[in-house]
Amino acid sequence: MKAIHDNWNELFHDCMSIIFVCGIIGIAVKFVTFFNQWVYFPSFPNALDSTFLVSGVLYLAWKSRRHK
C-alpha cells in the first residue's frame, strides 16, 4: 500500500485545508438561515467567526499561491 503523504508536513497542510474549507462552508450555510429574520449577533462569537474566516481565507490563498 502506497503512502498518501510523504511527511507529516504534507499531512498537516491537508488537514488544515479540510478544516478551513469545511468551516468556511459551514459558517456560510449557517449565515444563510438568518436571512429575513431579526437576529442578535453577540460580539464574541461573531469575532471568532470573523477571525476564523479571515485566517481560513489567508491560509488557503497562501497555499494556492505557493503551489503555482
C-alpha atoms as a PDB file:
ATOM      1  CA  MET A   1       0.000   0.000   0.000  1.00  0.00           C
ATOM      2  CA  LYS A   2       1.429   3.361  -1.054  1.00  0.00           C
ATOM      3  CA  ALA A   3       1.518   6.229   1.438  1.00  0.00           C
ATOM      4  CA  ILE A   4      -0.584   9.253   0.511  1.00  0.00           C
ATOM      5  CA  HIS A   5       1.689  11.730   2.299  1.00  0.00           C
ATOM      6  CA  ASP A   6       5.475  11.659   2.208  1.00  0.00           C
ATOM      7  CA  ASN A   7       5.903  13.512   5.513  1.00  0.00           C
ATOM      8  CA  TRP A   8       3.984  14.961   8.459  1.00  0.00           C
ATOM      9  CA  ASN A   9       4.093  18.455   6.981  1.00  0.00           C
ATOM     10  CA  GLU A  10       2.008  17.432   3.969  1.00  0.00           C
ATOM     11  CA  LEU A  11      -0.490  15.672   6.245  1.00  0.00           C
ATOM     12  CA  PHE A  12      -0.757  18.790   8.420  1.00  0.00           C
ATOM     13  CA  HIS A  13      -1.401  21.050   5.407  1.00  0.00           C
ATOM     14  CA  ASP A  14      -4.062  18.692   4.033  1.00  0.00           C
ATOM     15  CA  CYS A  15      -5.809  18.543   7.432  1.00  0.00           C
ATOM     16  CA  MET A  16      -5.724  22.336   7.767  1.00  0.00           C
ATOM     17  CA  SER A  17      -7.176  22.725   4.267  1.00  0.00           C
ATOM     18  CA  ILE A  18     -10.029  20.352   5.098  1.00  0.00           C
ATOM     19  CA  ILE A  19     -10.731  22.141   8.399  1.00  0.00           C
ATOM     20  CA  PHE A  20     -10.758  25.599   6.810  1.00  0.00           C
ATOM     21  CA  VAL A  21     -12.833  24.632   3.747  1.00  0.00           C
ATOM     22  CA  CYS A  22     -15.454  22.782   5.819  1.00  0.00           C
ATOM     23  CA  GLY A  23     -15.537  25.581   8.406  1.00  0.00           C
ATOM     24  CA  ILE A  24     -15.973  28.313   5.810  1.00  0.00           C
ATOM     25  CA  ILE A  25     -18.768  26.388   4.107  1.00  0.00           C
ATOM     26  CA  GLY A  26     -20.410  25.690   7.490  1.00  0.00           C
ATOM     27  CA  ILE A  27     -20.342  29.353   8.542  1.00  0.00           C
ATOM     28  CA  ALA A  28     -21.720  30.418   5.147  1.00  0.00           C
ATOM     29  CA  VAL A  29     -24.568  27.876   5.254  1.00  0.00           C
ATOM     30  CA  LYS A  30     -25.485  28.845   8.832  1.00  0.00           C
ATOM     31  CA  PHE A  31     -25.469  32.550   7.937  1.00  0.00           C
ATOM     32  CA  VAL A  32     -27.938  31.933   5.080  1.00  0.00           C
ATOM     33  CA  THR A  33     -30.512  30.641   7.596  1.00  0.00           C
ATOM     34  CA  PHE A  34     -30.643  34.128   9.198  1.00  0.00           C
ATOM     35  CA  PHE A  35     -31.980  35.886   6.067  1.00  0.00           C
ATOM     36  CA  ASN A  36     -35.341  37.679   6.507  1.00  0.00           C
ATOM     37  CA  GLN A  37     -35.136  37.391  10.311  1.00  0.00           C
ATOM     38  CA  TRP A  38     -34.152  39.774  13.084  1.00  0.00           C
ATOM     39  CA  VAL A  39     -31.195  38.166  14.799  1.00  0.00           C
ATOM     40  CA  TYR A  40     -28.935  39.497  17.531  1.00  0.00           C
ATOM     41  CA  PHE A  41     -25.306  38.639  16.871  1.00  0.00           C
ATOM     42  CA  PRO A  42     -23.275  38.673  20.095  1.00  0.00           C
ATOM     43  CA  SER A  43     -19.884  40.295  19.637  1.00  0.00           C
ATOM     44  CA  PHE A  44     -17.689  37.476  20.979  1.00  0.00           C
ATOM     45  CA  PRO A  45     -18.919  34.581  18.761  1.00  0.00           C
ATOM     46  CA  ASN A  46     -19.126  36.985  15.836  1.00  0.00           C
ATOM     47  CA  ALA A  47     -15.479  37.958  16.394  1.00  0.00           C
ATOM     48  CA  LEU A  48     -14.476  34.283  16.498  1.00  0.00           C
ATOM     49  CA  ASP A  49     -16.343  33.576  13.253  1.00  0.00           C
ATOM     50  CA  SER A  50     -14.737  36.576  11.580  1.00  0.00           C
ATOM     51  CA  THR A  51     -11.279  35.592  12.796  1.00  0.00           C
ATOM     52  CA  PHE A  52     -11.786  32.043  11.528  1.00  0.00           C
ATOM     53  CA  LEU A  53     -12.992  33.266   8.128  1.00  0.00           C
ATOM     54  CA  VAL A  54     -10.089  35.685   7.697  1.00  0.00           C
ATOM     55  CA  SER A  55      -7.466  33.163   8.797  1.00  0.00           C
ATOM     56  CA  GLY A  56      -9.021  30.463   6.591  1.00  0.00           C
ATOM     57  CA  VAL A  57      -9.042  32.660   3.509  1.00  0.00           C
ATOM     58  CA  LEU A  58      -5.481  33.837   4.152  1.00  0.00           C
ATOM     59  CA  TYR A  59      -4.237  30.265   4.638  1.00  0.00           C
ATOM     60  CA  LEU A  60      -5.976  28.971   1.511  1.00  0.00           C
ATOM     61  CA  ALA A  61      -4.724  31.930  -0.545  1.00  0.00           C
ATOM     62  CA  TRP A  62      -1.176  31.414   0.747  1.00  0.00           C
ATOM     63  CA  LYS A  63      -1.350  27.701  -0.052  1.00  0.00           C
ATOM     64  CA  SER A  64      -2.715  28.278  -3.566  1.00  0.00           C
ATOM     65  CA  ARG A  65      -0.029  30.895  -4.333  1.00  0.00           C
ATOM     66  CA  ARG A  66       2.713  28.601  -3.007  1.00  0.00           C
ATOM     67  CA  HIS A  67       1.786  25.775  -5.399  1.00  0.00           C
ATOM     68  CA  LYS A  68       1.968  27.914  -8.539  1.00  0.00           C
END
